[in-house]
Amino acid sequence: MAEVLFYERPVPLNRTAHKDLRIKGLQNLKFAHGVHSVPLTCTEFPVTARDIPILFAGSDIASAGPMALLGLRQNENLFLDTDGQWAQGVYIPAFVRRYPFVLAEKPPGSEGDDFTVFLDEAYEGFSDQEGERLFQEDGSESDMLKNAVNFLGEFQQHVARTKQFMEDLKKYDLLEPRNVRLERNGNVLNLNGLYVVNEEKLRKIDAETTHRFLNDGTLAWIYAHLLSLSNIDRVGQRLALREEAEAANKTKN
């Protein structure tokens, strides 16, 4: 499931089992080294579009959803350095910033809320000795945990809004396939299963729908997506620098 990408040992947060658990802040984002894209919510489009390409990905249009393109080769994030530090000044998607917590859907038929908070027990910042407590001595949530859970809740609200956004794009048949093809050092990189908004179809939408899109933010998100596509070349430049560094390391060795 996309929700638990990065998470090696996700377990439900438990007030009893984790009563003594403490957490140290993230020192690096190495857990995100092996991903070349992450899901994105539509509310993040404007700030993401400055540096990162925003495309829609899926096995078909019906299953497509927005994502931030972080790399051009499988299992490679070009916005992280070898120390796990994100590129300076570049937006970090909320999908990444949630870690090591996540809201995940409960199995059908489970009691209580539809979602429950999980944490990644493999996160190296968890211990019983150092860091901030998750729970107070009386078993109540610490301020740190409350803030983390609130962030998860806000993120889930943005996910719900993004589903509505995607329904609109599909209802008005605004998405079209886009194959990203780059030639690098005699090699051809092809990225398939991608979609973009068709501007010609966008211009043909009726006035009433256009007005709604303008008022509810949909139009701004669409244009942020379209503007972001120029960043594909910038990601290609990041790959070129990475390849140069790899070649230099091989020469040294």
C-alpha atoms as a PDB file:
ATOM      1  CA  MET A   1       0.000   0.000   0.000  1.00  0.00           C
ATOM      2  CA  ALA A   2       1.251   3.474  -0.865  1.00  0.00           C
ATOM      3  CA  GLU A   3       0.318   4.735   2.607  1.00  0.00           C
ATOM      4  CA  VAL A   4       3.075   2.684   4.234  1.00  0.00           C
ATOM      5  CA  LEU A   5       5.848   3.240   1.714  1.00  0.00           C
ATOM      6  CA  PHE A   6       9.143   3.656   3.692  1.00  0.00           C
ATOM      7  CA  TYR A   7       7.740   1.832   6.731  1.00  0.00           C
ATOM      8  CA  GLU A   8       9.672  -1.377   7.483  1.00  0.00           C
ATOM      9  CA  ARG A   9       7.751  -2.530  10.584  1.00  0.00           C
ATOM     10  CA  PRO A  10       4.504  -0.541  10.853  1.00  0.00           C
ATOM     11  CA  VAL A  11       2.502  -1.367  13.992  1.00  0.00           C
ATOM     12  CA  PRO A  12      -0.563   0.315  15.508  1.00  0.00           C
ATOM     13  CA  LEU A  13       0.237   2.951  18.121  1.00  0.00           C
ATOM     14  CA  ASN A  14      -0.687   1.398  21.464  1.00  0.00           C
ATOM     15  CA  ARG A  15      -1.024   3.325  24.706  1.00  0.00           C
ATOM     16  CA  THR A  16       0.105   0.285  26.744  1.00  0.00           C
ATOM     17  CA  ALA A  17       2.795  -1.222  24.531  1.00  0.00           C
ATOM     18  CA  HIS A  18       4.347   2.181  23.825  1.00  0.00           C
ATOM     19  CA  LYS A  19       3.820   3.846  27.193  1.00  0.00           C
ATOM     20  CA  ASP A  20       7.570   4.331  27.741  1.00  0.00           C
ATOM     21  CA  LEU A  21       8.540   4.986  24.146  1.00  0.00           C
ATOM     22  CA  ARG A  22      10.462   8.154  23.329  1.00  0.00           C
ATOM     23  CA  ILE A  23      11.364   9.709  20.007  1.00  0.00           C
ATOM     24  CA  LYS A  24      14.254  11.785  18.739  1.00  0.00           C
ATOM     25  CA  GLY A  25      13.656  14.146  15.828  1.00  0.00           C
ATOM     26  CA  LEU A  26      14.564  13.087  12.305  1.00  0.00           C
ATOM     27  CA  GLN A  27      18.277  13.665  11.729  1.00  0.00           C
ATOM     28  CA  ASN A  28      18.072  12.688   8.074  1.00  0.00           C
ATOM     29  CA  LEU A  29      15.660  11.363   5.463  1.00  0.00           C
ATOM     30  CA  LYS A  30      17.629   8.303   4.390  1.00  0.00           C
ATOM     31  CA  PHE A  31      14.456   6.222   4.553  1.00  0.00           C
ATOM     32  CA  ALA A  32      13.331   8.036   1.370  1.00  0.00           C
ATOM     33  CA  HIS A  33      16.508   7.269  -0.619  1.00  0.00           C
ATOM     34  CA  GLY A  34      14.947   4.444  -2.604  1.00  0.00           C
ATOM     35  CA  VAL A  35      11.899   6.199  -4.063  1.00  0.00           C
ATOM     36  CA  HIS A  36      11.787   8.074  -7.361  1.00  0.00           C
ATOM     37  CA  SER A  37       8.278   9.438  -6.699  1.00  0.00           C
ATOM     38  CA  VAL A  38       5.871   9.987  -3.813  1.00  0.00           C
ATOM     39  CA  PRO A  39       2.123  10.701  -3.729  1.00  0.00           C
ATOM     40  CA  LEU A  40       1.176  14.367  -3.501  1.00  0.00           C
ATOM     41  CA  THR A  41      -1.987  16.153  -2.389  1.00  0.00           C
ATOM     42  CA  CYS A  42      -3.413  18.885  -4.594  1.00  0.00           C
ATOM     43  CA  THR A  43      -3.017  21.512  -1.857  1.00  0.00           C
ATOM     44  CA  GLU A  44       0.760  20.995  -2.118  1.00  0.00           C
ATOM     45  CA  PHE A  45       0.915  21.696  -5.860  1.00  0.00           C
ATOM     46  CA  PRO A  46       1.769  25.433  -5.742  1.00  0.00           C
ATOM     47  CA  VAL A  47       4.812  25.091  -3.472  1.00  0.00           C
ATOM     48  CA  THR A  48       5.962  21.813  -5.054  1.00  0.00           C
ATOM     49  CA  ALA A  49       5.775  23.241  -8.569  1.00  0.00           C
ATOM     50  CA  ARG A  50       8.716  25.571  -7.961  1.00  0.00           C
ATOM     51  CA  ASP A  51      11.265  22.742  -8.115  1.00  0.00           C
ATOM     52  CA  ILE A  52       9.643  19.338  -8.619  1.00  0.00           C
ATOM     53  CA  PRO A  53       7.617  17.989 -11.575  1.00  0.00           C
ATOM     54  CA  ILE A  54       4.031  17.083 -10.701  1.00  0.00           C
ATOM     55  CA  LEU A  55       2.518  14.326 -12.831  1.00  0.00           C
ATOM     56  CA  PHE A  56      -0.298  11.826 -12.527  1.00  0.00           C
ATOM     57  CA  ALA A  57       0.658   8.155 -12.411  1.00  0.00           C
ATOM     58  CA  GLY A  58      -1.233   4.887 -12.534  1.00  0.00           C
ATOM     59  CA  SER A  59      -1.794   1.726 -14.525  1.00  0.00           C
ATOM     60  CA  ASP A  60      -4.601   3.603 -16.312  1.00  0.00           C
ATOM     61  CA  ILE A  61      -6.410   6.944 -16.104  1.00  0.00           C
ATOM     62  CA  ALA A  62      -9.019   5.543 -13.728  1.00  0.00           C
ATOM     63  CA  SER A  63      -6.354   4.663 -11.129  1.00  0.00           C
ATOM     64  CA  ALA A  64      -4.096   7.680 -11.721  1.00  0.00           C
ATOM     65  CA  GLY A  65      -3.167   9.988  -8.851  1.00  0.00           C
ATOM     66  CA  PRO A  66      -0.813  12.949  -8.417  1.00  0.00           C
ATOM     67  CA  MET A  67       2.807  12.384  -7.554  1.00  0.00           C
ATOM     68  CA  ALA A  68       6.031  14.334  -7.157  1.00  0.00           C
ATOM     69  CA  LEU A  69       8.706  13.032  -9.545  1.00  0.00           C
ATOM     70  CA  LEU A  70      11.903  12.797  -7.487  1.00  0.00           C
ATOM     71  CA  GLY A  71      14.085  10.760  -9.825  1.00  0.00           C
ATOM     72  CA  LEU A  72      14.422   9.297 -13.310  1.00  0.00           C
ATOM     73  CA  ARG A  73      15.873   5.911 -12.410  1.00  0.00           C
ATOM     74  CA  GLN A  74      14.149   3.238 -10.366  1.00  0.00           C
ATOM     75  CA  ASN A  75      14.743   3.399  -6.607  1.00  0.00           C
ATOM     76  CA  GLU A  76      16.633   6.707  -6.749  1.00  0.00           C
ATOM     77  CA  ASN A  77      15.668   9.993  -5.125  1.00  0.00           C
ATOM     78  CA  LEU A  78      17.710  12.782  -6.727  1.00  0.00           C
ATOM     79  CA  PHE A  79      16.636  15.306  -4.085  1.00  0.00           C
ATOM     80  CA  LEU A  80      18.502  13.482  -1.298  1.00  0.00           C
ATOM     81  CA  ASP A  81      22.272  13.490  -0.867  1.00  0.00           C
ATOM     82  CA  THR A  82      24.307  10.571   0.480  1.00  0.00           C
ATOM     83  CA  ASP A  83      23.800  11.832   4.044  1.00  0.00           C
ATOM     84  CA  GLY A  84      20.045  11.823   3.686  1.00  0.00           C
ATOM     85  CA  GLN A  85      19.732  15.607   3.557  1.00  0.00           C
ATOM     86  CA  TRP A  86      17.009  17.012   1.309  1.00  0.00           C
ATOM     87  CA  ALA A  87      18.049  19.549  -1.335  1.00  0.00           C
ATOM     88  CA  GLN A  88      18.237  22.942   0.333  1.00  0.00           C
ATOM     89  CA  GLY A  89      15.274  25.225  -0.275  1.00  0.00           C
ATOM     90  CA  VAL A  90      13.236  22.520  -2.002  1.00  0.00           C
ATOM     91  CA  TYR A  91       9.819  21.577  -0.616  1.00  0.00           C
ATOM     92  CA  ILE A  92       9.569  18.229   1.187  1.00  0.00           C
ATOM     93  CA  PRO A  93       6.217  16.550   0.439  1.00  0.00           C
ATOM     94  CA  ALA A  94       3.941  15.920   3.414  1.00  0.00           C
ATOM     95  CA  PHE A  95       3.960  12.227   2.511  1.00  0.00           C
ATOM     96  CA  VAL A  96       7.630  12.200   3.546  1.00  0.00           C
ATOM     97  CA  ARG A  97       7.284  14.537   6.525  1.00  0.00           C
ATOM     98  CA  ARG A  98       4.727  12.257   8.240  1.00  0.00           C
ATOM     99  CA  TYR A  99       7.365   9.637   8.974  1.00  0.00           C
ATOM    100  CA  PRO A 100       7.670   7.697  11.305  1.00  0.00           C
ATOM    101  CA  PHE A 101       3.905   7.993  11.900  1.00  0.00           C
ATOM    102  CA  VAL A 102       1.129   7.237   9.429  1.00  0.00           C
ATOM    103  CA  LEU A 103      -2.641   6.913   9.326  1.00  0.00           C
ATOM    104  CA  ALA A 104      -3.679   3.631   7.770  1.00  0.00           C
ATOM    105  CA  GLU A 105      -7.107   2.251   7.012  1.00  0.00           C
ATOM    106  CA  LYS A 106      -8.439  -0.415   9.325  1.00  0.00           C
ATOM    107  CA  PRO A 107      -9.614  -3.703   7.809  1.00  0.00           C
ATOM    108  CA  PRO A 108     -13.317  -3.715   6.828  1.00  0.00           C
ATOM    109  CA  GLY A 109     -15.564  -4.555   9.771  1.00  0.00           C
ATOM    110  CA  SER A 110     -13.195  -3.207  12.425  1.00  0.00           C
ATOM    111  CA  GLU A 111     -14.693  -1.186  15.248  1.00  0.00           C
ATOM    112  CA  GLY A 112     -13.996   2.501  15.842  1.00  0.00           C
ATOM    113  CA  ASP A 113     -12.660   5.046  13.381  1.00  0.00           C
ATOM    114  CA  ASP A 114     -11.859   4.130   9.775  1.00  0.00           C
ATOM    115  CA  PHE A 115      -8.194   5.004  10.315  1.00  0.00           C
ATOM    116  CA  THR A 116      -5.700   4.242  13.052  1.00  0.00           C
ATOM    117  CA  VAL A 117      -2.263   5.682  13.828  1.00  0.00           C
ATOM    118  CA  PHE A 118       0.696   3.447  13.017  1.00  0.00           C
ATOM    119  CA  LEU A 119       4.384   3.961  13.730  1.00  0.00           C
ATOM    120  CA  ASP A 120       7.456   2.373  12.216  1.00  0.00           C
ATOM    121  CA  GLU A 121       9.177   0.378  14.955  1.00  0.00           C
ATOM    122  CA  ALA A 122      12.261   0.233  12.707  1.00  0.00           C
ATOM    123  CA  TYR A 123      12.786   4.000  13.030  1.00  0.00           C
ATOM    124  CA  GLU A 124      16.179   4.472  14.673  1.00  0.00           C
ATOM    125  CA  GLY A 125      14.986   7.502  16.651  1.00  0.00           C
ATOM    126  CA  PHE A 126      12.723   5.438  18.928  1.00  0.00           C
ATOM    127  CA  SER A 127      14.033   4.344  22.333  1.00  0.00           C
ATOM    128  CA  ASP A 128      13.026   4.080  25.981  1.00  0.00           C
ATOM    129  CA  GLN A 129      15.840   6.368  27.120  1.00  0.00           C
ATOM    130  CA  GLU A 130      16.293   9.382  24.823  1.00  0.00           C
ATOM    131  CA  GLY A 131      14.016  11.908  23.194  1.00  0.00           C
ATOM    132  CA  GLU A 132      10.499  13.168  23.822  1.00  0.00           C
ATOM    133  CA  ARG A 133       7.904  10.890  25.347  1.00  0.00           C
ATOM    134  CA  LEU A 134       4.941   9.791  23.246  1.00  0.00           C
ATOM    135  CA  PHE A 135       2.765   9.456  26.333  1.00  0.00           C
ATOM    136  CA  GLN A 136       2.793  11.256  29.672  1.00  0.00           C
ATOM    137  CA  GLU A 137       3.120   9.367  32.954  1.00  0.00           C
ATOM    138  CA  ASP A 138      -0.681   9.344  33.294  1.00  0.00           C
ATOM    139  CA  GLY A 139      -1.055   7.737  29.858  1.00  0.00           C
ATOM    140  CA  SER A 140      -2.259  10.874  28.088  1.00  0.00           C
ATOM    141  CA  GLU A 141      -0.730  11.931  24.767  1.00  0.00           C
ATOM    142  CA  SER A 142       2.255  14.269  24.910  1.00  0.00           C
ATOM    143  CA  ASP A 143       2.134  17.566  23.023  1.00  0.00           C
ATOM    144  CA  MET A 144       4.592  16.106  20.520  1.00  0.00           C
ATOM    145  CA  LEU A 145       2.281  13.172  19.781  1.00  0.00           C
ATOM    146  CA  LYS A 146      -0.781  15.424  19.606  1.00  0.00           C
ATOM    147  CA  ASN A 147       0.968  17.581  17.010  1.00  0.00           C
ATOM    148  CA  ALA A 148       1.989  14.512  14.996  1.00  0.00           C
ATOM    149  CA  VAL A 149      -1.546  13.092  15.053  1.00  0.00           C
ATOM    150  CA  ASN A 150      -3.021  16.480  14.086  1.00  0.00           C
ATOM    151  CA  PHE A 151      -0.650  16.612  11.126  1.00  0.00           C
ATOM    152  CA  LEU A 152      -1.806  13.146  10.058  1.00  0.00           C
ATOM    153  CA  GLY A 153      -5.426  14.266  10.320  1.00  0.00           C
ATOM    154  CA  GLU A 154      -4.826  17.366   8.204  1.00  0.00           C
ATOM    155  CA  PHE A 155      -2.954  15.276   5.650  1.00  0.00           C
ATOM    156  CA  GLN A 156      -5.883  12.851   5.424  1.00  0.00           C
ATOM    157  CA  GLN A 157      -8.270  15.757   4.816  1.00  0.00           C
ATOM    158  CA  HIS A 158      -6.042  16.898   1.949  1.00  0.00           C
ATOM    159  CA  VAL A 159      -6.051  13.339   0.578  1.00  0.00           C
ATOM    160  CA  ALA A 160      -9.862  13.416   0.554  1.00  0.00           C
ATOM    161  CA  ARG A 161      -9.854  16.766  -1.277  1.00  0.00           C
ATOM    162  CA  THR A 162      -7.366  15.341  -3.771  1.00  0.00           C
ATOM    163  CA  LYS A 163      -9.730  12.442  -4.525  1.00  0.00           C
ATOM    164  CA  GLN A 164     -12.422  14.973  -5.415  1.00  0.00           C
ATOM    165  CA  PHE A 165      -9.916  16.858  -7.569  1.00  0.00           C
ATOM    166  CA  MET A 166      -9.053  13.660  -9.430  1.00  0.00           C
ATOM    167  CA  GLU A 167     -12.737  12.838  -9.935  1.00  0.00           C
ATOM    168  CA  ASP A 168     -13.166  16.208 -11.634  1.00  0.00           C
ATOM    169  CA  LEU A 169     -10.185  15.670 -13.923  1.00  0.00           C
ATOM    170  CA  LYS A 170     -11.569  12.289 -14.969  1.00  0.00           C
ATOM    171  CA  LYS A 171     -15.192  13.465 -15.255  1.00  0.00           C
ATOM    172  CA  TYR A 172     -14.203  16.142 -17.776  1.00  0.00           C
ATOM    173  CA  ASP A 173     -11.692  13.858 -19.511  1.00  0.00           C
ATOM    174  CA  LEU A 174      -8.808  16.258 -18.878  1.00  0.00           C
ATOM    175  CA  LEU A 175      -5.994  13.724 -18.539  1.00  0.00           C
ATOM    176  CA  GLU A 176      -3.908  12.388 -21.402  1.00  0.00           C
ATOM    177  CA  PRO A 177      -0.954   9.948 -21.431  1.00  0.00           C
ATOM    178  CA  ARG A 178       2.530  11.456 -21.389  1.00  0.00           C
ATOM    179  CA  ASN A 179       5.676   9.432 -21.976  1.00  0.00           C
ATOM    180  CA  VAL A 180       8.777  11.086 -20.528  1.00  0.00           C
ATOM    181  CA  ARG A 181      11.776  10.227 -22.713  1.00  0.00           C
ATOM    182  CA  LEU A 182      15.288  11.435 -21.952  1.00  0.00           C
ATOM    183  CA  GLU A 183      18.545  10.517 -23.679  1.00  0.00           C
ATOM    184  CA  ARG A 184      21.555  10.345 -21.381  1.00  0.00           C
ATOM    185  CA  ASN A 185      25.054   9.321 -22.473  1.00  0.00           C
ATOM    186  CA  GLY A 186      23.718   7.190 -25.270  1.00  0.00           C
ATOM    187  CA  ASN A 187      21.120   5.596 -23.034  1.00  0.00           C
ATOM    188  CA  VAL A 188      17.391   6.251 -23.311  1.00  0.00           C
ATOM    189  CA  LEU A 189      15.265   6.707 -20.198  1.00  0.00           C
ATOM    190  CA  ASN A 190      11.560   6.075 -20.683  1.00  0.00           C
ATOM    191  CA  LEU A 191       9.000   6.793 -17.966  1.00  0.00           C
ATOM    192  CA  ASN A 192       5.605   5.280 -18.779  1.00  0.00           C
ATOM    193  CA  GLY A 193       2.234   5.202 -17.037  1.00  0.00           C
ATOM    194  CA  LEU A 194       2.212   8.990 -16.655  1.00  0.00           C
ATOM    195  CA  TYR A 195      -0.553  11.477 -17.396  1.00  0.00           C
ATOM    196  CA  VAL A 196      -0.828  15.260 -17.705  1.00  0.00           C
ATOM    197  CA  VAL A 197      -3.720  17.688 -18.120  1.00  0.00           C
ATOM    198  CA  ASN A 198      -4.655  18.424 -21.724  1.00  0.00           C
ATOM    199  CA  GLU A 199      -4.753  22.236 -22.011  1.00  0.00           C
ATOM    200  CA  GLU A 200      -6.911  22.218 -25.138  1.00  0.00           C
ATOM    201  CA  LYS A 201      -9.637  20.246 -23.367  1.00  0.00           C
ATOM    202  CA  LEU A 202      -9.290  22.491 -20.328  1.00  0.00           C
ATOM    203  CA  ARG A 203     -10.044  25.556 -22.448  1.00  0.00           C
ATOM    204  CA  LYS A 204     -13.241  23.934 -23.757  1.00  0.00           C
ATOM    205  CA  ILE A 205     -14.828  23.447 -20.337  1.00  0.00           C
ATOM    206  CA  ASP A 206     -18.127  25.304 -19.956  1.00  0.00           C
ATOM    207  CA  ALA A 207     -18.227  28.640 -18.137  1.00  0.00           C
ATOM    208  CA  GLU A 208     -20.105  27.323 -15.086  1.00  0.00           C
ATOM    209  CA  THR A 209     -17.565  24.572 -14.444  1.00  0.00           C
ATOM    210  CA  THR A 210     -14.664  26.945 -15.078  1.00  0.00           C
ATOM    211  CA  HIS A 211     -16.116  29.325 -12.500  1.00  0.00           C
ATOM    212  CA  ARG A 212     -16.378  26.490  -9.972  1.00  0.00           C
ATOM    213  CA  PHE A 213     -12.808  25.400 -10.717  1.00  0.00           C
ATOM    214  CA  LEU A 214     -11.674  28.975 -10.179  1.00  0.00           C
ATOM    215  CA  ASN A 215     -13.460  29.304  -6.829  1.00  0.00           C
ATOM    216  CA  ASP A 216     -12.549  25.937  -5.298  1.00  0.00           C
ATOM    217  CA  GLY A 217      -8.846  26.030  -6.227  1.00  0.00           C
ATOM    218  CA  THR A 218      -8.964  23.372  -8.943  1.00  0.00           C
ATOM    219  CA  LEU A 219      -7.847  25.746 -11.689  1.00  0.00           C
ATOM    220  CA  ALA A 220      -4.864  26.981  -9.665  1.00  0.00           C
ATOM    221  CA  TRP A 221      -3.795  23.397  -8.948  1.00  0.00           C
ATOM    222  CA  ILE A 222      -4.067  22.459 -12.619  1.00  0.00           C
ATOM    223  CA  TYR A 223      -1.869  25.362 -13.706  1.00  0.00           C
ATOM    224  CA  ALA A 224       0.638  24.643 -10.939  1.00  0.00           C
ATOM    225  CA  HIS A 225       0.865  21.112 -12.362  1.00  0.00           C
ATOM    226  CA  LEU A 226       1.335  22.400 -15.914  1.00  0.00           C
ATOM    227  CA  LEU A 227       3.987  24.923 -14.876  1.00  0.00           C
ATOM    228  CA  SER A 228       5.849  22.235 -12.923  1.00  0.00           C
ATOM    229  CA  LEU A 229       6.443  20.118 -16.030  1.00  0.00           C
ATOM    230  CA  SER A 230       9.382  22.324 -17.027  1.00  0.00           C
ATOM    231  CA  ASN A 231      11.144  20.920 -13.953  1.00  0.00           C
ATOM    232  CA  ILE A 232      11.546  17.554 -15.697  1.00  0.00           C
ATOM    233  CA  ASP A 233      14.618  19.003 -17.403  1.00  0.00           C
ATOM    234  CA  ARG A 234      15.917  20.197 -14.013  1.00  0.00           C
ATOM    235  CA  VAL A 235      15.552  16.678 -12.624  1.00  0.00           C
ATOM    236  CA  GLY A 236      17.507  15.533 -15.675  1.00  0.00           C
ATOM    237  CA  GLN A 237      20.248  17.970 -14.694  1.00  0.00           C
ATOM    238  CA  ARG A 238      20.298  16.492 -11.205  1.00  0.00           C
ATOM    239  CA  LEU A 239      20.727  13.061 -12.755  1.00  0.00           C
ATOM    240  CA  ALA A 240      23.618  14.328 -14.872  1.00  0.00           C
ATOM    241  CA  LEU A 241      25.388  15.604 -11.748  1.00  0.00           C
ATOM    242  CA  ARG A 242      24.741  12.284  -9.980  1.00  0.00           C
ATOM    243  CA  GLU A 243      26.161  10.353 -12.916  1.00  0.00           C
ATOM    244  CA  GLU A 244      29.254  12.569 -12.982  1.00  0.00           C
ATOM    245  CA  ALA A 245      29.811  11.900  -9.288  1.00  0.00           C
ATOM    246  CA  GLU A 246      29.378   8.150  -9.835  1.00  0.00           C
ATOM    247  CA  ALA A 247      31.887   8.203 -12.701  1.00  0.00           C
ATOM    248  CA  ALA A 248      34.378  10.156 -10.572  1.00  0.00           C
ATOM    249  CA  ASN A 249      34.043   7.621  -7.738  1.00  0.00           C
ATOM    250  CA  LYS A 250      34.659   4.737 -10.132  1.00  0.00           C
ATOM    251  CA  THR A 251      37.803   6.465 -11.385  1.00  0.00           C
ATOM    252  CA  LYS A 252      39.101   6.848  -7.837  1.00  0.00           C
ATOM    253  CA  ASN A 253      38.463   3.219  -7.047  1.00  0.00           C
END
